[in-house]
């Protein structure tokens, strides 16, 4: 998830959630994309890896529902990501207070702290 200050937004921030899977070979990522029916596959020339990315909020929600608890990631960070996505689906990121709460939740996961509330 990317959170950056942007005065063009009512909340003062742009929040961009995404899921990214990187591989050396394109074949597996194409199979994932075909199975899911969404997402994009492209080569990233900087790291010379193929990437499968999901940017659309509804598609991220579908992906999280499909994979459930089978992700190989840090569980605390995954729960925080899912919490932020649920808040965004409720459009809470469009208000200053909601955006502030999402930022607090997400940044706490990166710092390894647990926020109140």
Protein backbone atom coordinates (compact mmCIF):
# COMPACT_ATOMS: atom_id res chain seq x y z
CA UNK A 1 0.00 0.00 0.00
CA UNK A 2 1.30 3.42 -0.92
CA UNK A 3 0.25 6.50 1.04
CA UNK A 4 1.48 9.87 -0.12
CA UNK A 5 0.60 13.43 0.75
CA UNK A 6 -1.39 15.05 -2.06
CA UNK A 7 -3.31 18.32 -1.62
CA UNK A 8 -5.56 17.50 -4.59
CA UNK A 9 -7.42 15.00 -2.39
CA UNK A 10 -10.00 16.06 0.19
CA UNK A 11 -8.25 13.99 2.84
CA UNK A 12 -4.86 15.45 1.90
CA UNK A 13 -3.47 12.01 0.97
CA UNK A 14 -3.61 9.59 -1.91
CA UNK A 15 -3.92 5.98 -0.79
CA UNK A 16 -3.09 3.36 -3.42
CA UNK A 17 -3.49 -0.27 -2.37
CA UNK A 18 -1.92 -2.98 -4.49
CA UNK A 19 -0.94 -6.61 -4.47
CA UNK A 20 2.24 -7.56 -6.30
CA UNK A 21 3.69 -11.00 -7.00
CA UNK A 22 7.11 -11.10 -8.69
CA UNK A 23 8.68 -14.06 -10.50
CA UNK A 24 11.54 -14.69 -12.90
CA UNK A 25 9.23 -16.57 -15.27
CA UNK A 26 6.07 -15.13 -16.83
CA UNK A 27 4.18 -18.43 -17.23
CA UNK A 28 3.01 -18.85 -13.62
CA UNK A 29 1.87 -15.23 -13.39
CA UNK A 30 -0.14 -15.61 -16.62
CA UNK A 31 -1.79 -18.72 -15.15
CA UNK A 32 -2.70 -16.78 -11.98
CA UNK A 33 -4.13 -13.94 -14.08
CA UNK A 34 -6.13 -16.36 -16.26
CA UNK A 35 -7.48 -18.18 -13.19
CA UNK A 36 -8.52 -14.99 -11.44
CA UNK A 37 -9.71 -13.09 -14.50
CA UNK A 38 -8.15 -9.82 -13.37
CA UNK A 39 -4.81 -8.15 -12.67
CA UNK A 40 -1.94 -7.24 -14.99
CA UNK A 41 1.31 -9.00 -15.88
CA UNK A 42 4.32 -6.98 -16.99
CA UNK A 43 8.11 -7.00 -16.96
CA UNK A 44 9.84 -4.56 -14.65
CA UNK A 45 13.13 -3.69 -16.34
CA UNK A 46 14.77 -2.35 -13.16
CA UNK A 47 14.77 -5.74 -11.41
CA UNK A 48 14.30 -7.83 -14.59
CA UNK A 49 11.38 -9.69 -12.99
CA UNK A 50 7.84 -10.34 -14.15
CA UNK A 51 5.16 -8.85 -11.92
CA UNK A 52 1.49 -9.67 -11.46
CA UNK A 53 -0.26 -6.67 -9.90
CA UNK A 54 -3.75 -5.95 -8.70
CA UNK A 55 -4.71 -2.30 -8.21
CA UNK A 56 -8.52 -2.23 -8.34
CA UNK A 57 -10.04 -2.24 -4.87
CA UNK A 58 -12.81 -4.72 -5.75
CA UNK A 59 -10.27 -7.07 -7.36
CA UNK A 60 -8.05 -6.87 -4.27
CA UNK A 61 -11.08 -7.79 -2.16
CA UNK A 62 -11.82 -10.79 -4.45
CA UNK A 63 -8.18 -11.91 -4.31
CA UNK A 64 -8.09 -11.74 -0.51
CA UNK A 65 -11.33 -13.76 -0.31
CA UNK A 66 -9.97 -16.41 -2.69
CA UNK A 67 -6.59 -16.91 -1.04
CA UNK A 68 -7.80 -16.59 2.54
CA UNK A 69 -5.12 -17.59 5.03
CA UNK A 70 -2.83 -19.26 2.49
CA UNK A 71 -0.63 -16.20 1.90
CA UNK A 72 3.03 -16.60 2.75
CA UNK A 73 3.42 -13.22 4.38
CA UNK A 74 3.64 -11.69 7.82
CA UNK A 75 0.20 -12.29 9.32
CA UNK A 76 0.10 -9.05 11.32
CA UNK A 77 0.84 -7.03 8.19
CA UNK A 78 -1.73 -9.02 6.20
CA UNK A 79 -4.43 -8.32 8.82
CA UNK A 80 -3.60 -4.61 8.75
CA UNK A 81 -3.75 -4.57 4.94
CA UNK A 82 -7.12 -6.33 4.99
CA UNK A 83 -8.40 -3.90 7.63
CA UNK A 84 -7.35 -0.93 5.45
CA UNK A 85 -9.01 -2.50 2.38
CA UNK A 86 -12.27 -3.01 4.31
CA UNK A 87 -12.19 0.64 5.36
CA UNK A 88 -11.55 1.75 1.78
CA UNK A 89 -14.43 -0.38 0.50
CA UNK A 90 -16.63 1.55 2.94
CA UNK A 91 -15.16 4.75 1.42
CA UNK A 92 -13.67 5.80 4.78
CA UNK A 93 -10.46 6.86 3.04
CA UNK A 94 -12.31 9.79 1.49
CA UNK A 95 -12.60 11.66 4.80
CA UNK A 96 -9.72 13.21 6.71
CA UNK A 97 -10.47 11.15 9.83
CA UNK A 98 -10.77 7.89 7.88
CA UNK A 99 -7.59 8.60 5.96
CA UNK A 100 -5.76 9.39 9.19
CA UNK A 101 -6.92 6.09 10.70
CA UNK A 102 -5.84 4.11 7.62
CA UNK A 103 -2.44 5.81 7.69
CA UNK A 104 -2.07 5.01 11.39
CA UNK A 105 -2.99 1.35 10.85
CA UNK A 106 -0.71 0.91 7.83
CA UNK A 107 2.28 2.78 9.19
CA UNK A 108 2.05 0.90 12.48
CA UNK A 109 2.40 -2.37 10.58
CA UNK A 110 5.58 -1.11 8.93
CA UNK A 111 6.98 0.03 12.27
CA UNK A 112 5.88 -3.10 14.12
CA UNK A 113 3.65 -1.30 16.62
CA UNK A 114 0.00 -1.83 17.42
CA UNK A 115 -2.18 1.31 17.29
CA UNK A 116 -4.97 2.05 19.73
CA UNK A 117 -8.56 1.89 18.47
